C-alpha atoms as a PDB file:
ATOM      1  CA  MET A   1      21.850  -6.325  28.824  1.00  0.00           C
ATOM      2  CA  GLU A   2      18.881  -7.681  26.661  1.00  0.00           C
ATOM      3  CA  THR A   3      19.118  -7.321  22.980  1.00  0.00           C
ATOM      4  CA  LYS A   4      16.192  -6.273  20.907  1.00  0.00           C
ATOM      5  CA  LYS A   5      14.548  -8.733  18.568  1.00  0.00           C
ATOM      6  CA  THR A   6      12.246  -8.193  15.717  1.00  0.00           C
ATOM      7  CA  ASP A   7       8.638  -9.084  16.228  1.00  0.00           C
ATOM      8  CA  LYS A   8       8.035 -11.541  13.423  1.00  0.00           C
ATOM      9  CA  GLU A   9       4.304 -11.309  13.399  1.00  0.00           C
ATOM     10  CA  LEU A  10       4.277  -7.604  13.155  1.00  0.00           C
ATOM     11  CA  LEU A  11       7.065  -7.811  10.404  1.00  0.00           C
ATOM     12  CA  THR A  12       4.694 -10.199   8.378  1.00  0.00           C
ATOM     13  CA  LYS A  13       1.798  -7.645   8.800  1.00  0.00           C
ATOM     14  CA  GLY A  14       3.889  -4.987   7.382  1.00  0.00           C
ATOM     15  CA  LEU A  15       5.124  -7.119   4.622  1.00  0.00           C
ATOM     16  CA  GLN A  16       1.574  -7.811   3.617  1.00  0.00           C
ATOM     17  CA  LYS A  17       0.743  -4.130   3.639  1.00  0.00           C
ATOM     18  CA  MET A  18       3.783  -3.422   1.393  1.00  0.00           C
ATOM     19  CA  GLY A  19       2.371  -6.351  -0.925  1.00  0.00           C
ATOM     20  CA  ILE A  20      -0.963  -4.557  -1.195  1.00  0.00           C
ATOM     21  CA  SER A  21       0.835  -1.259  -1.896  1.00  0.00           C
ATOM     22  CA  LEU A  22       2.845  -2.837  -4.581  1.00  0.00           C
ATOM     23  CA  ALA A  23      -0.172  -4.368  -6.350  1.00  0.00           C
ATOM     24  CA  LEU A  24      -2.021  -0.841  -6.179  1.00  0.00           C
ATOM     25  CA  MET A  25       1.107   0.809  -7.477  1.00  0.00           C
ATOM     26  CA  PHE A  26       0.662  -1.089 -10.858  1.00  0.00           C
ATOM     27  CA  LEU A  27      -3.070  -1.091 -10.666  1.00  0.00           C
ATOM     28  CA  GLY A  28      -3.873   2.501 -10.110  1.00  0.00           C
ATOM     29  CA  PRO A  29      -1.902   4.030 -13.027  1.00  0.00           C
ATOM     30  CA  THR A  30      -3.048   1.266 -15.284  1.00  0.00           C
ATOM     31  CA  LEU A  31      -6.681   2.112 -14.699  1.00  0.00           C
ATOM     32  CA  ILE A  32      -5.900   5.821 -15.180  1.00  0.00           C
ATOM     33  CA  TYR A  33      -4.229   5.150 -18.652  1.00  0.00           C
ATOM     34  CA  VAL A  34      -7.137   2.881 -19.638  1.00  0.00           C
ATOM     35  CA  ALA A  35      -9.739   5.487 -18.600  1.00  0.00           C
ATOM     36  CA  PHE A  36      -7.886   8.407 -20.545  1.00  0.00           C
ATOM     37  CA  SER A  37      -7.345   6.218 -23.500  1.00  0.00           C
ATOM     38  CA  ASN A  38     -11.207   5.697 -23.744  1.00  0.00           C
ATOM     39  CA  GLN A  39     -12.602   9.043 -22.969  1.00  0.00           C
ATOM     40  CA  GLU A  40     -15.694   8.758 -25.254  1.00  0.00           C
ATOM     41  CA  LYS A  41     -16.840   5.486 -23.410  1.00  0.00           C
ATOM     42  CA  THR A  42     -19.416   5.485 -20.594  1.00  0.00           C
ATOM     43  CA  LEU A  43     -16.909   4.069 -18.035  1.00  0.00           C
ATOM     44  CA  TYR A  44     -14.508   6.865 -18.251  1.00  0.00           C
ATOM     45  CA  ILE A  45     -15.374   8.587 -14.937  1.00  0.00           C
ATOM     46  CA  PRO A  46     -15.797   5.312 -12.911  1.00  0.00           C
ATOM     47  CA  LEU A  47     -12.481   3.699 -14.094  1.00  0.00           C
ATOM     48  CA  LEU A  48     -10.662   7.324 -13.496  1.00  0.00           C
ATOM     49  CA  LEU A  49     -12.007   7.472 -10.006  1.00  0.00           C
ATOM     50  CA  LEU A  50     -11.010   3.824  -9.216  1.00  0.00           C
ATOM     51  CA  GLY A  51      -7.428   4.703 -10.627  1.00  0.00           C
ATOM     52  CA  ILE A  52      -7.058   7.559  -8.474  1.00  0.00           C
ATOM     53  CA  LEU A  53      -8.445   5.806  -5.390  1.00  0.00           C
ATOM     54  CA  GLY A  54      -6.067   3.031  -6.282  1.00  0.00           C
ATOM     55  CA  CYS A  55      -3.063   5.423  -6.301  1.00  0.00           C
ATOM     56  CA  CYS A  56      -4.035   7.051  -3.020  1.00  0.00           C
ATOM     57  CA  GLY A  57      -4.394   3.604  -1.638  1.00  0.00           C
ATOM     58  CA  ALA A  58      -1.052   2.629  -2.751  1.00  0.00           C
ATOM     59  CA  ILE A  59       0.483   5.572  -0.927  1.00  0.00           C
ATOM     60  CA  TYR A  60      -1.395   4.974   2.117  1.00  0.00           C
ATOM     61  CA  PHE A  61      -0.523   1.209   2.391  1.00  0.00           C
ATOM     62  CA  ALA A  62       3.153   2.009   1.619  1.00  0.00           C
ATOM     63  CA  PHE A  63       3.289   4.493   4.593  1.00  0.00           C
ATOM     64  CA  LYS A  64       1.324   2.017   6.939  1.00  0.00           C
ATOM     65  CA  GLY A  65       3.506  -0.874   5.826  1.00  0.00           C
ATOM     66  CA  LEU A  66       6.708   0.978   6.428  1.00  0.00           C
ATOM     67  CA  ASN A  67       5.648   2.070   9.770  1.00  0.00           C
ATOM     68  CA  THR A  68       4.614  -1.451  10.810  1.00  0.00           C
ATOM     69  CA  ILE A  69       8.020  -2.714   9.593  1.00  0.00           C
ATOM     70  CA  LEU A  70       9.832  -0.236  11.496  1.00  0.00           C
ATOM     71  CA  ASP A  71       7.703  -0.780  14.680  1.00  0.00           C
ATOM     72  CA  SER A  72       8.459  -4.484  14.370  1.00  0.00           C
ATOM     73  CA  MET A  73      12.205  -3.774  14.487  1.00  0.00           C
ATOM     74  CA  PHE A  74      12.789  -0.812  16.744  1.00  0.00           C
ATOM     75  CA  LYS A  75       9.710  -0.586  19.115  1.00  0.00           C
ATOM     76  CA  SER A  76      10.247  -2.321  22.502  1.00  0.00           C
ATOM     77  CA  ASN A  77       7.523  -4.586  23.777  1.00  0.00           C
ATOM     78  CA  LYS A  78       7.825  -3.709  27.531  1.00  0.00           C
ATOM     79  CA  ASN A  79       4.316  -3.520  28.805  1.00  0.00           C
END
């Protein structure tokens, strides 16, 4: 009986996506805070939109990263 092994390349890709997600988890709320603290400035709307996109990107990359990591561990590579 053959044991399942982790696909290291796929695991690396998943960890990279989780790293991007971690960076966006800090960047998005920071941009939103900066935008709300400077509402009278002209860059209020662009900073707010970038912050919201950063938060959405963090959620997306977290799900994709977790899915990739789980695929590397549990998906069989029988083609």
